[in-house]
Amino acid sequence: MNGSKFKGIPSVAAAARHDPREAEVQRFVAVAPGKLTYPWQDSKIRSDLTVQLNVRQPEDLMVRVDWFCTQTGVTKRDFVEQALRSAISAELDKMGVPKD
């Protein structure tokens, strides 16, 4: 990624090209406890807008997902969304970052 798609949020990679110490500072600031906002808190981010996610997955995993969804009547989209929400929530908790 050449830069952040969110205005006002510096790109760590761009900063590192100029000064490696700057990248370290930016990484610290990005997860600082006193940070006021995170990208998902931007007022322009909509929870009703769906964005496509294309990722390659192992065949055996996807066969299990298909089987599970067929057996439970859960759509694959709903299943993947819930799994992603649970996983990112747990990771944000570990980092001490608010989810909302």
Protein backbone atom coordinates (compact mmCIF):
# COMPACT_ATOMS: atom_id res chain seq x y z
CA MET A 1 0.00 0.00 0.00
CA ASN A 2 1.52 3.32 -1.03
CA GLY A 3 -0.41 5.37 1.46
CA SER A 4 -3.41 5.34 3.70
CA LYS A 5 -6.79 5.66 2.02
CA PHE A 6 -7.96 7.55 5.09
CA LYS A 7 -7.15 11.25 5.18
CA GLY A 8 -4.97 12.36 8.03
CA ILE A 9 -3.60 8.90 8.79
CA PRO A 10 0.08 8.70 7.79
CA SER A 11 1.41 5.71 5.94
CA VAL A 12 4.02 3.86 7.99
CA ALA A 13 5.58 2.46 4.81
CA ALA A 14 5.96 5.93 3.27
CA ALA A 15 7.52 7.28 6.45
CA ALA A 16 9.97 4.37 6.59
CA ARG A 17 11.30 5.21 3.12
CA HIS A 18 12.44 8.59 4.43
CA ASP A 19 13.61 7.74 7.93
CA PRO A 20 13.46 4.32 9.61
CA ARG A 21 13.06 5.97 13.01
CA GLU A 22 9.97 7.78 11.73
CA ALA A 23 8.33 4.44 10.90
CA GLU A 24 8.88 3.28 14.48
CA VAL A 25 7.33 6.48 15.81
CA GLN A 26 4.34 6.12 13.46
CA ARG A 27 3.77 2.50 14.53
CA PHE A 28 3.78 3.62 18.16
CA VAL A 29 1.33 6.45 17.49
CA ALA A 30 -0.97 4.16 15.49
CA VAL A 31 -1.67 1.98 18.55
CA ALA A 32 -1.22 4.59 21.29
CA PRO A 33 -3.90 4.32 24.00
CA GLY A 34 -4.78 8.02 23.74
CA LYS A 35 -5.52 7.89 20.01
CA LEU A 36 -8.84 9.59 19.36
CA THR A 37 -10.05 7.78 16.25
CA TYR A 38 -9.41 4.67 14.20
CA PRO A 39 -10.22 4.20 10.51
CA TRP A 40 -13.43 2.26 11.23
CA GLN A 41 -14.67 5.16 13.37
CA ASP A 42 -14.60 7.59 10.44
CA SER A 43 -18.09 9.04 9.85
CA LYS A 44 -17.82 8.16 6.15
CA ILE A 45 -17.55 4.42 6.90
CA ARG A 46 -20.92 2.72 6.45
CA SER A 47 -21.99 -0.51 8.11
CA ASP A 48 -24.72 -1.01 5.49
CA LEU A 49 -22.28 -0.99 2.55
CA THR A 50 -20.86 -4.40 1.63
CA VAL A 51 -17.42 -4.70 0.11
CA GLN A 52 -16.24 -7.78 -1.72
CA LEU A 53 -13.37 -9.79 -0.24
CA ASN A 54 -11.54 -12.12 -2.59
CA VAL A 55 -9.15 -14.46 -0.82
CA ARG A 56 -7.79 -17.83 -1.82
CA GLN A 57 -8.44 -20.54 0.75
CA PRO A 58 -7.42 -24.20 0.99
CA GLU A 59 -9.91 -26.49 -0.71
CA ASP A 60 -10.43 -28.71 2.35
CA LEU A 61 -11.34 -25.67 4.46
CA MET A 62 -13.84 -24.41 1.90
CA VAL A 63 -15.44 -27.85 1.59
CA ARG A 64 -15.94 -27.79 5.38
CA VAL A 65 -17.46 -24.30 5.19
CA ASP A 66 -19.80 -25.38 2.39
CA TRP A 67 -20.84 -28.50 4.32
CA PHE A 68 -21.40 -26.54 7.54
CA CYS A 69 -23.47 -23.88 5.78
CA THR A 70 -25.58 -26.52 4.03
CA GLN A 71 -26.20 -28.39 7.28
CA THR A 72 -27.08 -25.30 9.33
CA GLY A 73 -28.83 -23.18 6.71
CA VAL A 74 -26.43 -20.31 7.35
CA THR A 75 -25.33 -18.44 4.25
CA LYS A 76 -21.63 -18.55 3.46
CA ARG A 77 -21.58 -14.75 3.50
CA ASP A 78 -23.10 -14.60 7.00
CA PHE A 79 -20.80 -17.34 8.26
CA VAL A 80 -17.65 -15.62 6.95
CA GLU A 81 -18.77 -12.22 8.26
CA GLN A 82 -19.38 -13.61 11.76
CA ALA A 83 -16.04 -15.45 11.73
CA LEU A 84 -14.19 -12.29 10.68
CA ARG A 85 -15.99 -10.17 13.27
CA SER A 86 -15.14 -12.65 16.04
CA ALA A 87 -11.51 -12.93 14.96
CA ILE A 88 -10.89 -9.19 14.63
CA SER A 89 -12.69 -8.52 17.91
CA ALA A 90 -10.40 -10.95 19.72
CA GLU A 91 -7.28 -9.48 18.11
CA LEU A 92 -8.34 -5.89 18.91
CA ASP A 93 -8.96 -6.94 22.52
CA LYS A 94 -5.41 -8.33 22.71
CA MET A 95 -4.07 -5.01 21.39
CA GLY A 96 -6.24 -2.95 23.74
CA VAL A 97 -7.88 -1.22 20.79
CA PRO A 98 -11.59 -0.32 20.92
CA LYS A 99 -13.79 -2.20 18.46
CA ASP A 100 -16.40 0.53 18.04
